[in-house]
Amino acid sequence: MKIARRRFTTQKREMARTLVENRLSYINKFYNFKINRIAIKNTVTRWGSCSSKGNLNFNYKIIYLKPELADYLIVHELCHLGELNHSKRFWALVSKTIPDYQKINKELRRVHIKLI
């Protein structure tokens, strides 16, 4: 049973990596940020994160989100490469490609990672 579960998780991570890399490639044509590394993880409480080294991390469960929520999440983490905080400048970056980010952010907050 463990092998089947591990294979399932590996397949989902590969699907998530493909989704994230494709969307980042498309979206980052606008921002042109330097991405160091992309990691797909199985985190319990976070959809994504960005490090000061330019590493972007995403929860593999991003594949279960509606496309507009997944895109928001990807843009959010990508914009942290320009502003590693949640300042007005950060949100201005996000709003350049996701003008209704506030509405989408509220919707994403209602989606619980553990329940997906």
Protein backbone atom coordinates (compact mmCIF):
# COMPACT_ATOMS: atom_id res chain seq x y z
CA MET A 1 0.00 0.00 0.00
CA LYS A 2 2.87 2.40 0.80
CA ILE A 3 4.38 1.88 -2.66
CA ALA A 4 1.05 2.67 -4.36
CA ARG A 5 0.64 5.81 -2.23
CA ARG A 6 4.21 6.93 -2.98
CA ARG A 7 3.66 6.36 -6.72
CA PHE A 8 0.42 8.36 -6.53
CA THR A 9 2.16 11.25 -4.75
CA THR A 10 5.05 11.16 -7.24
CA GLN A 11 2.62 11.36 -10.14
CA LYS A 12 0.81 14.29 -8.53
CA ARG A 13 4.09 16.10 -7.88
CA GLU A 14 5.07 15.64 -11.53
CA MET A 15 1.69 17.01 -12.62
CA ALA A 16 2.15 19.98 -10.27
CA ARG A 17 5.68 20.63 -11.53
CA THR A 18 4.45 20.67 -15.13
CA LEU A 19 1.59 23.03 -14.26
CA VAL A 20 3.80 25.40 -12.24
CA GLU A 21 6.67 25.47 -14.74
CA ASN A 22 4.33 26.09 -17.69
CA ARG A 23 2.44 28.88 -15.95
CA LEU A 24 5.65 30.46 -14.57
CA SER A 25 7.18 30.43 -18.05
CA TYR A 26 4.14 32.23 -19.43
CA ILE A 27 3.59 34.70 -16.55
CA ASN A 28 7.26 35.54 -16.03
CA LYS A 29 7.48 36.86 -19.60
CA PHE A 30 5.72 39.90 -18.13
CA TYR A 31 7.79 40.22 -14.93
CA ASN A 32 11.13 38.83 -16.11
CA PHE A 33 12.29 37.83 -12.61
CA LYS A 34 15.24 35.48 -12.17
CA ILE A 35 14.05 32.18 -10.70
CA ASN A 36 16.73 30.09 -9.04
CA ARG A 37 14.90 26.82 -8.29
CA ILE A 38 11.35 25.48 -8.29
CA ALA A 39 10.36 22.86 -5.73
CA ILE A 40 7.12 20.94 -5.39
CA LYS A 41 6.45 19.89 -1.81
CA ASN A 42 3.79 18.35 0.38
CA THR A 43 3.44 21.08 2.98
CA VAL A 44 0.67 21.03 5.55
CA THR A 45 -0.19 24.70 5.95
CA ARG A 46 1.26 26.63 2.99
CA TRP A 47 0.35 26.79 -0.67
CA GLY A 48 3.71 28.27 -1.57
CA SER A 49 6.75 30.21 -0.48
CA CYS A 50 9.68 32.15 -1.86
CA SER A 51 13.18 32.35 -0.42
CA SER A 52 15.63 35.24 -0.56
CA LYS A 53 17.80 33.01 -2.79
CA GLY A 54 15.11 33.06 -5.49
CA ASN A 55 13.73 29.59 -4.78
CA LEU A 56 10.00 29.13 -5.36
CA ASN A 57 8.18 26.36 -3.50
CA PHE A 58 4.67 25.14 -4.23
CA ASN A 59 2.38 22.61 -2.62
CA TYR A 60 1.65 19.76 -5.04
CA LYS A 61 -2.06 20.17 -4.26
CA ILE A 62 -2.03 23.25 -6.49
CA ILE A 63 -3.25 20.87 -9.22
CA TYR A 64 -6.62 20.66 -7.44
CA LEU A 65 -7.21 24.42 -7.48
CA LYS A 66 -9.32 26.28 -10.00
CA PRO A 67 -7.03 27.76 -12.68
CA GLU A 68 -7.52 31.36 -11.49
CA LEU A 69 -6.55 30.37 -7.93
CA ALA A 70 -3.48 28.47 -9.15
CA ASP A 71 -2.44 31.43 -11.30
CA TYR A 72 -2.89 33.81 -8.38
CA LEU A 73 -0.73 31.58 -6.19
CA ILE A 74 1.98 31.40 -8.84
CA VAL A 75 1.93 35.17 -9.44
CA HIS A 76 1.98 35.79 -5.67
CA GLU A 77 5.14 33.74 -5.15
CA LEU A 78 6.74 35.05 -8.33
CA CYS A 79 6.20 38.66 -7.21
CA HIS A 80 8.09 37.92 -4.00
CA LEU A 81 11.19 37.78 -6.19
CA GLY A 82 10.68 41.52 -6.68
CA GLU A 83 9.46 42.34 -3.17
CA LEU A 84 10.16 39.80 -0.43
CA ASN A 85 7.32 41.13 1.75
CA HIS A 86 3.64 42.07 1.56
CA SER A 87 4.15 45.81 1.14
CA LYS A 88 2.14 48.13 -1.11
CA ARG A 89 4.86 47.71 -3.75
CA PHE A 90 4.42 43.92 -3.60
CA TRP A 91 0.64 44.14 -4.08
CA ALA A 92 1.16 46.64 -6.91
CA LEU A 93 3.30 44.01 -8.67
CA VAL A 94 0.62 41.35 -8.17
CA SER A 95 -2.12 43.67 -9.44
CA LYS A 96 -0.30 44.17 -12.75
CA THR A 97 -1.34 40.68 -13.87
CA ILE A 98 -4.11 39.88 -11.36
CA PRO A 99 -6.12 43.10 -10.92
CA ASP A 100 -8.80 41.37 -8.80
CA TYR A 101 -6.19 39.73 -6.55
CA GLN A 102 -8.04 40.70 -3.34
CA LYS A 103 -11.13 38.72 -4.29
CA ILE A 104 -9.06 35.72 -5.40
CA ASN A 105 -6.90 35.89 -2.26
CA LYS A 106 -10.03 35.69 -0.08
CA GLU A 107 -11.28 32.71 -2.05
CA LEU A 108 -7.93 30.91 -1.74
CA ARG A 109 -7.92 31.49 2.03
CA ARG A 110 -11.20 29.55 2.23
CA VAL A 111 -9.64 26.51 0.56
CA HIS A 112 -8.08 24.29 3.19
CA ILE A 113 -5.05 22.34 2.03
CA LYS A 114 -5.80 19.37 4.31
CA LEU A 115 -9.27 18.96 2.84
CA ILE A 116 -8.19 18.74 -0.78
